Amino acid sequence: MSDWRDARTEGNGDRHGYGSGSAQPEGARVMRHVQRPDAVPRQPSYDDNVYDDLYRDQRPQPGQSGQHAQGPGGPEGYDSGYNTGQVYGSPAGPRRGGQGPGGPQGPQAPPRPKPPVNWKKRITWGLVTFLALLIVVSVSTYFWADSKLKREVDLSKVIERPAGGKGTNYLIVGSDSREGMSDEEKKKLHTGSAEGKRTDSMMILHVADDGGNTMISLPRDSNVTIPSFKGADSGKLYPGTGRQVKLNAAYAEDGPELLVRTVEANTGLRIDHYAEIGFGGFAKIVDAVGGVEMDIPKAFRDKKSGADFEAGKQTLNGEEALAFVRTRYAFAGSDLDRTKNQQKFLAALANQAATPGTVMNPFKLYPTMGAGLDTLIVDKDMGLMDVASMFWAMKGVSGGDGTSMNMPISGSVGGNLVWDKAKVKQLVEQLNNDEKVTVTGGN
């Protein structure tokens, strides 16, 4: 007889869900709660190794029988279909709350180790990045500096030039150009307001091929002969008349080209490059490097240049430095003493500009280069590397690696200094042959 309850005997009239055969759908049946046995097997995870271990644990071992060899409530291999609570596809590690029902927790997957730091690779890439940045900065600086050079002097206009020798000869000129200076700056620097340009200092720097550089000061009051020349602007040929003038008069008459022509004609030494800087540029360079320290052996004053110095070590700013190199009336030797001070100061300036504190500091290096290059006038064939070679040679001479001297003087005429022709000839021969200079200059 069936155990199903019959609605017909219950008295509530509800016939749905009891197999009444009615055309109406049955209602949901309430199933009795079935208590799960304690030993419900754990469901395997998707980890193959864990699956094999669990499957092996569920198989009957030799000599085993009964409940441990069978599934719950059934024969061996029976799967009840009940889930133990494990989420399929999750790692077979411990769950929150400890062990799951039916046995101990499964094996844990080991954590993935972090790869070791490749220091060699990091250092290599760091060096590559640094070198690439250094190359970019160096190339950019080179083109920036090269573009600032004012190549205004055309040495191809100089006629009847002497043959060249070994090494490279630079004619370095400090002019009294006031170009770009305000009235206030002219007053502050004691430059006056004279029109045009004149040379305040002139030097020949010989850069030898095998070392032993020589710096020779040419006093502006040197007595020279103006030779035949071609006008720099007009192109007109002017014949030589044997005129005796001061050396700086050649520059005032027809500029750098006639000055080069006059120096070459009176010495026999070929000038390879020309470089000129004015008052304003000189003062700005000194200020850009933070001043130049000088040891002045004796106090002196000069109203015309604005010099007023005490004896002893002191740091000169741009204004003071310009007054120092221009002073001549305060000295017994006049122009000869002034050229010595000019060489002494240029030596100190070159050393200061080449210190690591300037070269390695972009806040000093770029202003210094900018101040110098903005007012530096050179010949058309002079490149930035020639400027660097000239600078380092000046620094070398000032550091004792070479000779510094005045042009040999034999006397004076009409207030002008006369060169010793025999010594000048010997000096030129030694320079052309890159020999050690043994000639002594004027005192």
Protein backbone atom coordinates (compact mmCIF):
# COMPACT_ATOMS: atom_id res chain seq x y z
CA MET A 1 0.00 0.00 0.00
CA SER A 2 1.33 3.53 -0.92
CA ASP A 3 2.72 5.75 1.82
CA TRP A 4 1.70 8.93 0.00
CA ARG A 5 -0.85 10.92 1.85
CA ASP A 6 -4.13 11.22 0.12
CA ALA A 7 -5.71 14.61 0.14
CA ARG A 8 -9.06 12.96 -0.09
CA THR A 9 -8.64 11.67 3.47
CA GLU A 10 -7.17 14.86 4.97
CA GLY A 11 -10.22 16.91 4.75
CA ASN A 12 -8.60 20.18 3.54
CA GLY A 13 -9.69 19.77 -0.06
CA ASP A 14 -6.27 20.49 -1.45
CA ARG A 15 -5.57 17.88 -4.11
CA HIS A 16 -2.60 19.53 -5.83
CA GLY A 17 0.77 17.80 -5.71
CA TYR A 18 -0.49 14.38 -4.65
CA GLY A 19 -0.75 12.58 -7.90
CA SER A 20 -4.42 13.13 -8.17
CA GLY A 21 -4.42 12.94 -11.92
CA SER A 22 -5.96 16.39 -12.09
CA ALA A 23 -5.21 18.64 -15.05
CA GLN A 24 -3.93 21.31 -12.67
CA PRO A 25 -0.17 21.37 -11.95
CA GLU A 26 1.17 19.90 -8.79
CA GLY A 27 2.54 22.11 -6.05
CA ALA A 28 6.04 21.88 -4.58
CA ARG A 29 6.68 19.00 -2.22
CA VAL A 30 8.50 19.47 1.02
CA MET A 31 11.30 16.90 1.26
CA ARG A 32 12.30 15.45 4.52
CA HIS A 33 15.73 16.55 5.82
CA VAL A 34 18.34 13.88 5.34
CA GLN A 35 21.24 13.93 7.76
CA ARG A 36 24.59 13.65 5.92
CA PRO A 37 27.04 11.14 7.29
CA ASP A 38 30.20 12.47 8.96
CA ALA A 39 32.62 10.99 6.44
CA VAL A 40 31.57 12.83 3.32
CA PRO A 41 34.60 12.68 0.99
CA ARG A 42 36.33 15.91 0.04
CA GLN A 43 35.85 16.96 -3.51
CA PRO A 44 39.04 17.14 -5.54
CA SER A 45 40.42 20.47 -6.73
CA TYR A 46 41.72 21.11 -10.21
CA ASP A 47 45.26 20.55 -8.99
CA ASP A 48 46.22 17.18 -10.58
CA ASN A 49 48.61 16.22 -7.82
CA VAL A 50 46.10 16.95 -5.09
CA TYR A 51 43.44 15.04 -7.05
CA ASP A 52 45.64 11.98 -7.28
CA ASP A 53 46.37 12.09 -3.56
CA LEU A 54 42.72 12.44 -2.60
CA TYR A 55 41.62 9.76 -5.03
CA ARG A 56 44.22 7.39 -3.66
CA ASP A 57 43.01 8.07 -0.11
CA GLN A 58 39.44 7.10 -1.09
CA ARG A 59 40.39 3.74 -2.63
CA PRO A 60 40.17 0.66 -0.39
CA GLN A 61 43.51 -0.62 0.77
CA PRO A 62 44.25 -4.30 1.06
CA GLY A 63 42.57 -5.71 4.12
CA GLN A 64 40.18 -2.76 4.54
CA SER A 65 36.39 -3.05 4.44
CA GLY A 66 33.31 -1.50 5.77
CA GLN A 67 32.51 2.17 6.03
CA HIS A 68 36.06 3.41 5.26
CA ALA A 69 36.18 1.37 2.06
CA GLN A 70 32.85 2.55 0.81
CA GLY A 71 31.19 5.77 0.11
CA PRO A 72 28.69 6.97 2.66
CA GLY A 73 25.67 4.75 2.78
CA GLY A 74 26.51 2.76 -0.33
CA PRO A 75 28.85 0.41 -2.06
CA GLU A 76 32.47 1.10 -3.03
CA GLY A 77 32.90 3.93 -5.52
CA TYR A 78 29.49 5.40 -4.80
CA ASP A 79 29.35 9.20 -5.24
CA SER A 80 26.68 10.80 -3.12
CA GLY A 81 26.82 14.03 -5.15
CA TYR A 82 27.04 16.15 -2.02
CA ASN A 83 29.50 19.06 -2.11
CA THR A 84 31.80 19.56 0.87
CA GLY A 85 31.69 23.32 0.55
CA GLN A 86 34.82 23.62 -1.59
CA VAL A 87 34.60 26.09 -4.46
CA TYR A 88 35.60 24.32 -7.63
CA GLY A 89 38.68 25.69 -9.27
CA SER A 90 40.08 27.32 -6.11
CA PRO A 91 43.45 26.29 -4.70
CA ALA A 92 43.43 23.27 -2.45
CA GLY A 93 44.85 25.19 0.46
CA PRO A 94 43.33 25.90 3.85
CA ARG A 95 40.00 27.65 4.02
CA ARG A 96 38.96 30.32 6.44
CA GLY A 97 37.90 28.66 9.61
CA GLY A 98 40.44 25.81 9.52
CA GLN A 99 39.71 22.28 8.34
CA GLY A 100 36.70 21.38 6.27
CA PRO A 101 34.33 18.63 7.28
CA GLY A 102 35.41 15.11 6.70
CA GLY A 103 39.20 15.24 7.24
CA PRO A 104 42.35 17.36 7.48
CA GLN A 105 43.12 20.26 5.14
CA GLY A 106 44.71 19.54 1.75
CA PRO A 107 48.31 20.37 0.75
CA GLN A 108 49.20 24.07 0.18
CA ALA A 109 50.62 25.40 -3.10
CA PRO A 110 54.03 27.03 -2.46
CA PRO A 111 54.19 30.87 -3.00
CA ARG A 112 55.84 32.02 -6.21
CA PRO A 113 59.36 33.34 -5.39
CA LYS A 114 60.33 36.91 -6.44
CA PRO A 115 62.97 37.05 -9.16
CA PRO A 116 66.39 38.28 -7.90
CA VAL A 117 67.45 41.89 -8.68
CA ASN A 118 69.73 42.02 -11.73
CA TRP A 119 72.17 44.70 -10.54
CA LYS A 120 74.47 44.24 -13.54
CA LYS A 121 71.63 45.04 -15.91
CA ARG A 122 70.54 48.05 -13.87
CA ILE A 123 74.08 49.47 -13.71
CA THR A 124 74.58 48.91 -17.45
CA TRP A 125 71.38 50.74 -18.35
CA GLY A 126 72.25 53.53 -15.91
CA LEU A 127 75.65 54.04 -17.57
CA VAL A 128 74.13 53.95 -21.05
CA THR A 129 71.54 56.57 -20.06
CA PHE A 130 74.20 58.80 -18.47
CA LEU A 131 76.51 58.60 -21.50
CA ALA A 132 73.65 59.32 -23.90
CA LEU A 133 72.63 62.36 -21.84
CA LEU A 134 76.26 63.54 -21.68
CA ILE A 135 76.63 63.29 -25.46
CA VAL A 136 73.41 65.20 -26.08
CA VAL A 137 74.42 67.99 -23.66
CA SER A 138 77.96 68.20 -25.09
CA VAL A 139 76.81 68.35 -28.70
CA SER A 140 74.14 70.93 -27.88
CA THR A 141 76.65 73.06 -25.96
CA TYR A 142 79.15 72.89 -28.82
CA PHE A 143 76.70 74.13 -31.45
CA TRP A 144 75.34 76.78 -29.09
CA ALA A 145 78.83 78.13 -28.37
CA ASP A 146 79.96 77.89 -32.00
CA SER A 147 76.94 79.89 -33.13
CA LYS A 148 77.95 82.76 -30.82
CA LEU A 149 81.35 83.34 -32.42
CA LYS A 150 81.51 86.58 -34.39
CA ARG A 151 83.60 85.68 -37.43
CA GLU A 152 84.10 89.19 -38.77
CA VAL A 153 87.81 89.36 -39.66
CA ASP A 154 88.84 88.21 -43.15
CA LEU A 155 92.55 87.37 -43.21
CA SER A 156 92.33 86.59 -46.92
CA LYS A 157 92.43 90.38 -47.47
CA VAL A 158 95.91 90.56 -45.95
CA ILE A 159 98.52 90.76 -48.73
CA GLU A 160 102.18 89.74 -49.04
CA ARG A 161 102.07 87.32 -46.15
CA PRO A 162 105.17 85.52 -44.84
CA ALA A 163 105.49 81.75 -45.01
CA GLY A 164 104.14 79.78 -42.11
CA GLY A 165 106.16 77.59 -39.79
CA LYS A 166 105.41 74.91 -37.23
CA GLY A 167 102.72 75.45 -34.63
CA THR A 168 99.88 78.00 -34.66
CA ASN A 169 100.16 81.73 -34.03
CA TYR A 170 97.27 83.73 -32.55
CA LEU A 171 97.13 87.53 -32.43
CA ILE A 172 95.07 88.33 -29.32
CA VAL A 173 93.79 91.88 -29.03
CA GLY A 174 92.07 93.70 -26.20
CA SER A 175 90.26 96.67 -27.70
CA ASP A 176 88.69 99.68 -26.07
CA SER A 177 85.44 99.01 -27.90
CA ARG A 178 82.45 100.39 -26.03
CA GLU A 179 79.91 98.69 -28.27
CA GLY A 180 76.74 97.74 -26.41
CA MET A 181 77.71 99.68 -23.27
CA SER A 182 75.33 102.18 -21.70
CA ASP A 183 76.47 105.64 -20.56
CA GLU A 184 76.25 104.43 -16.97
CA GLU A 185 78.52 101.43 -17.73
CA LYS A 186 81.04 103.65 -19.52
CA LYS A 187 81.18 105.92 -16.50
CA LYS A 188 81.46 103.02 -14.06
CA LEU A 189 84.29 101.35 -16.02
CA HIS A 190 86.12 104.63 -16.72
CA THR A 191 86.19 103.94 -20.46
CA GLY A 192 85.25 107.40 -21.69
CA SER A 193 83.04 107.90 -24.74
CA ALA A 194 85.55 108.09 -27.57
CA GLU A 195 84.23 107.04 -30.98
CA GLY A 196 85.70 104.10 -32.88
CA LYS A 197 88.02 101.41 -31.54
CA ARG A 198 91.65 101.27 -30.51
CA THR A 199 93.80 98.47 -29.20
CA ASP A 200 94.56 98.58 -25.51
CA SER A 201 96.66 95.41 -25.49
CA MET A 202 98.15 93.05 -28.09
CA MET A 203 99.79 89.64 -27.70
CA ILE A 204 101.13 86.90 -29.94
CA LEU A 205 100.42 83.42 -28.59
CA HIS A 206 102.46 80.67 -30.22
CA VAL A 207 100.97 77.20 -29.69
CA ALA A 208 103.69 74.68 -30.47
CA ASP A 209 102.95 71.30 -32.02
CA ASP A 210 105.01 69.56 -29.34
CA GLY A 211 104.45 71.83 -26.33
CA GLY A 212 106.54 74.74 -25.09
CA ASN A 213 104.02 77.52 -25.85
CA THR A 214 105.09 81.17 -25.86
CA MET A 215 103.17 84.38 -25.12
CA ILE A 216 104.71 87.64 -26.39
CA SER A 217 103.27 91.02 -25.46
CA LEU A 218 103.40 93.77 -28.10
CA PRO A 219 103.46 97.20 -26.41
CA ARG A 220 100.90 99.51 -28.00
CA ASP A 221 103.55 102.25 -28.12
CA SER A 222 105.86 100.10 -30.27
CA ASN A 223 107.42 102.03 -33.16
CA VAL A 224 106.49 100.24 -36.43
CA THR A 225 106.34 100.92 -40.16
CA ILE A 226 102.99 100.83 -41.94
CA PRO A 227 103.48 98.63 -45.06
CA SER A 228 101.50 98.55 -48.29
CA PHE A 229 98.05 97.07 -47.73
CA LYS A 230 94.63 96.48 -49.21
CA GLY A 231 91.73 98.34 -47.62
CA ALA A 232 89.51 95.96 -45.67
CA ASP A 233 86.31 97.66 -46.82
CA SER A 234 87.30 99.48 -50.00
CA GLY A 235 89.62 96.82 -51.44
CA LYS A 236 91.89 99.65 -52.57
CA LEU A 237 95.66 99.09 -52.59
CA TYR A 238 97.68 101.55 -50.50
CA PRO A 239 101.43 101.70 -51.22
CA GLY A 240 103.94 101.62 -48.40
CA THR A 241 105.37 105.06 -47.58
CA GLY A 242 107.67 104.10 -44.72
CA ARG A 243 105.50 105.90 -42.17
CA GLN A 244 106.60 105.33 -38.58
CA VAL A 245 103.66 105.11 -36.17
CA LYS A 246 102.65 103.49 -32.92
CA LEU A 247 101.42 99.94 -33.37
CA ASN A 248 97.91 100.70 -32.18
CA ALA A 249 97.58 103.34 -34.92
CA ALA A 250 97.47 100.59 -37.55
CA TYR A 251 94.33 99.17 -35.95
CA ALA A 252 92.76 102.63 -35.71
CA GLU A 253 93.49 103.30 -39.39
CA ASP A 254 91.99 100.19 -41.04
CA GLY A 255 91.04 97.68 -38.38
CA PRO A 256 92.19 94.12 -37.66
CA GLU A 257 93.32 93.32 -41.21
CA LEU A 258 95.83 96.18 -41.31
CA LEU A 259 97.00 95.36 -37.77
CA VAL A 260 97.76 91.77 -38.85
CA ARG A 261 99.49 93.02 -42.00
CA THR A 262 101.64 95.42 -39.93
CA VAL A 263 102.64 92.80 -37.35
CA GLU A 264 103.58 90.30 -40.07
CA ALA A 265 105.58 92.90 -42.06
CA ASN A 266 107.54 94.08 -38.99
CA THR A 267 108.24 90.62 -37.53
CA GLY A 268 108.22 88.14 -40.41
CA LEU A 269 105.93 85.85 -38.38
CA ARG A 270 102.74 84.60 -40.04
CA ILE A 271 99.55 85.10 -38.00
CA ASP A 272 97.18 82.13 -38.34
CA HIS A 273 94.23 83.36 -36.26
CA TYR A 274 92.90 86.60 -34.81
CA ALA A 275 90.87 87.06 -31.61
CA GLU A 276 89.59 90.30 -30.07
CA ILE A 277 87.55 91.17 -26.99
CA GLY A 278 86.24 94.55 -25.84
CA PHE A 279 86.00 96.30 -22.48
CA GLY A 280 82.49 95.18 -21.65
CA GLY A 281 83.09 91.52 -22.50
CA PHE A 282 86.27 91.40 -20.43
CA ALA A 283 84.53 92.76 -17.32
CA LYS A 284 81.58 90.37 -17.74
CA ILE A 285 83.86 87.33 -17.96
CA VAL A 286 85.55 88.28 -14.68
CA ASP A 287 82.20 88.73 -12.94
CA ALA A 288 80.88 85.46 -14.39
CA VAL A 289 83.69 83.42 -12.80
CA GLY A 290 83.10 85.12 -9.47
CA GLY A 291 86.13 87.42 -9.55
CA VAL A 292 89.86 86.74 -9.89
CA GLU A 293 92.32 86.68 -7.00
CA MET A 294 95.48 88.74 -7.51
CA ASP A 295 98.53 89.34 -5.36
CA ILE A 296 99.47 93.00 -5.88
CA PRO A 297 103.02 93.62 -4.60
CA LYS A 298 102.72 97.39 -4.31
CA ALA A 299 99.77 99.76 -3.90
CA PHE A 300 99.00 102.12 -6.81
CA ARG A 301 96.38 104.55 -8.06
CA ASP A 302 95.48 105.86 -11.51
CA LYS A 303 92.69 108.38 -12.07
CA LYS A 304 92.42 107.71 -15.80
CA SER A 305 91.80 103.96 -15.43
CA GLY A 306 90.06 104.23 -12.05
CA ALA A 307 92.62 101.99 -10.35
CA ASP A 308 92.97 102.25 -6.58
CA PHE A 309 94.61 99.16 -5.12
CA GLU A 310 96.21 98.29 -1.82
CA ALA A 311 99.12 95.87 -1.64
CA GLY A 312 98.40 92.20 -0.93
CA LYS A 313 96.05 89.44 -2.03
CA GLN A 314 92.58 90.52 -3.09
CA THR A 315 89.78 89.38 -5.37
CA LEU A 316 89.07 91.74 -8.28
CA ASN A 317 85.63 92.06 -9.80
CA GLY A 318 85.04 93.04 -13.43
CA GLU A 319 85.35 96.78 -12.87
CA GLU A 320 88.52 96.45 -10.80
CA ALA A 321 90.09 93.95 -13.21
CA LEU A 322 89.60 96.29 -16.18
CA ALA A 323 91.24 99.12 -14.26
CA PHE A 324 94.14 96.83 -13.32
CA VAL A 325 95.00 95.77 -16.90
CA ARG A 326 94.59 99.28 -18.33
CA THR A 327 96.77 101.19 -15.87
CA ARG A 328 100.11 102.48 -17.24
CA TYR A 329 100.59 106.03 -15.95
CA ALA A 330 101.12 104.82 -12.39
CA PHE A 331 104.20 102.80 -13.38
CA ALA A 332 107.73 103.91 -14.19
CA GLY A 333 107.91 101.45 -17.10
CA SER A 334 104.58 102.73 -18.47
CA ASP A 335 103.42 100.38 -21.26
CA LEU A 336 106.04 97.71 -20.53
CA ASP A 337 104.87 97.42 -16.93
CA ARG A 338 101.27 97.37 -18.08
CA THR A 339 101.90 94.41 -20.42
CA LYS A 340 103.39 92.48 -17.52
CA ASN A 341 100.27 93.10 -15.45
CA GLN A 342 98.11 92.04 -18.38
CA GLN A 343 99.94 88.73 -18.71
CA LYS A 344 99.77 88.21 -14.96
CA PHE A 345 96.04 88.85 -14.85
CA LEU A 346 95.24 86.69 -17.90
CA ALA A 347 97.14 83.86 -16.22
CA ALA A 348 94.99 84.16 -13.10
CA LEU A 349 91.78 84.49 -15.14
CA ALA A 350 92.56 81.40 -17.22
CA ASN A 351 93.27 79.36 -14.08
CA GLN A 352 90.07 80.54 -12.43
CA ALA A 353 87.94 79.78 -15.50
CA ALA A 354 89.42 76.27 -15.76
CA THR A 355 88.80 75.22 -12.15
CA PRO A 356 86.30 72.38 -11.50
CA GLY A 357 84.14 74.90 -9.64
CA THR A 358 83.58 76.70 -12.95
CA VAL A 359 83.78 73.92 -15.53
CA MET A 360 81.55 71.48 -13.60
CA ASN A 361 79.04 74.10 -12.50
CA PRO A 362 76.60 74.94 -15.32
CA PHE A 363 75.47 78.05 -13.42
CA LYS A 364 79.02 79.40 -13.82
CA LEU A 365 80.16 77.70 -17.02
CA TYR A 366 77.39 78.92 -19.32
CA PRO A 367 77.42 82.54 -18.10
CA THR A 368 81.22 82.58 -18.46
CA MET A 369 81.13 81.15 -21.96
CA GLY A 370 78.24 83.41 -22.91
CA ALA A 371 79.96 86.54 -21.58
CA GLY A 372 83.16 85.77 -23.48
CA LEU A 373 81.64 84.57 -26.74
CA ASP A 374 79.11 87.40 -26.96
CA THR A 375 81.90 89.97 -27.43
CA LEU A 376 84.63 87.78 -28.95
CA ILE A 377 85.51 88.70 -32.54
CA VAL A 378 87.54 86.15 -34.52
CA ASP A 379 88.64 85.51 -38.09
CA LYS A 380 86.42 83.64 -40.52
CA ASP A 381 88.49 80.44 -40.37
CA MET A 382 88.57 80.18 -36.60
CA GLY A 383 86.42 77.46 -35.06
CA LEU A 384 85.40 76.69 -31.51
CA MET A 385 88.19 74.12 -31.20
CA ASP A 386 90.71 76.82 -32.14
CA VAL A 387 89.29 79.02 -29.38
CA ALA A 388 89.64 76.15 -26.90
CA SER A 389 93.22 75.50 -28.03
CA MET A 390 94.07 79.18 -27.55
CA PHE A 391 92.53 79.23 -24.08
CA TRP A 392 94.30 76.09 -22.86
CA ALA A 393 97.62 77.33 -24.26
CA MET A 394 97.19 80.59 -22.31
CA LYS A 395 96.45 78.58 -19.19
CA GLY A 396 99.51 76.40 -19.79
CA VAL A 397 101.84 79.37 -20.22
CA SER A 398 100.46 81.00 -17.09
CA GLY A 399 101.00 77.75 -15.19
CA GLY A 400 104.69 77.63 -16.08
CA ASP A 401 104.42 75.34 -19.12
CA GLY A 402 105.99 77.77 -21.58
CA THR A 403 107.41 81.26 -21.82
CA SER A 404 105.85 84.71 -21.38
CA MET A 405 107.78 87.80 -22.42
CA ASN A 406 107.68 91.26 -24.03
CA MET A 407 108.84 91.86 -27.56
CA PRO A 408 112.63 92.53 -27.41
CA ILE A 409 113.24 96.29 -27.09
CA SER A 410 116.45 98.10 -28.02
CA GLY A 411 115.45 101.64 -27.06
CA SER A 412 112.95 104.37 -27.88
CA VAL A 413 112.45 107.19 -30.35
CA GLY A 414 110.04 110.08 -29.94
CA GLY A 415 108.44 108.29 -27.00
CA ASN A 416 107.89 105.12 -29.02
CA LEU A 417 109.54 101.80 -28.15
CA VAL A 418 111.92 100.43 -30.79
CA TRP A 419 112.14 96.67 -31.32
CA ASP A 420 115.50 94.95 -31.36
CA LYS A 421 115.54 93.68 -34.97
CA ALA A 422 118.26 91.06 -34.44
CA LYS A 423 116.50 89.54 -31.43
CA VAL A 424 113.13 89.70 -33.16
CA LYS A 425 114.55 87.75 -36.10
CA GLN A 426 116.03 85.09 -33.78
CA LEU A 427 112.76 84.86 -31.86
CA VAL A 428 110.76 84.31 -35.04
CA GLU A 429 113.13 81.56 -36.19
CA GLN A 430 112.77 79.74 -32.89
CA LEU A 431 108.97 80.02 -33.03
CA ASN A 432 108.78 78.80 -36.65
CA ASN A 433 110.87 75.76 -35.76
CA ASP A 434 109.03 75.06 -32.48
CA GLU A 435 112.31 75.45 -30.63
CA LYS A 436 112.72 76.49 -27.02
CA VAL A 437 112.73 80.28 -26.85
CA THR A 438 116.01 81.62 -25.49
CA VAL A 439 115.58 85.24 -26.54
CA THR A 440 114.87 87.64 -23.72
CA GLY A 441 112.36 90.44 -24.01
CA GLY A 442 112.41 94.08 -23.06
CA ASN A 443 112.25 95.06 -19.39
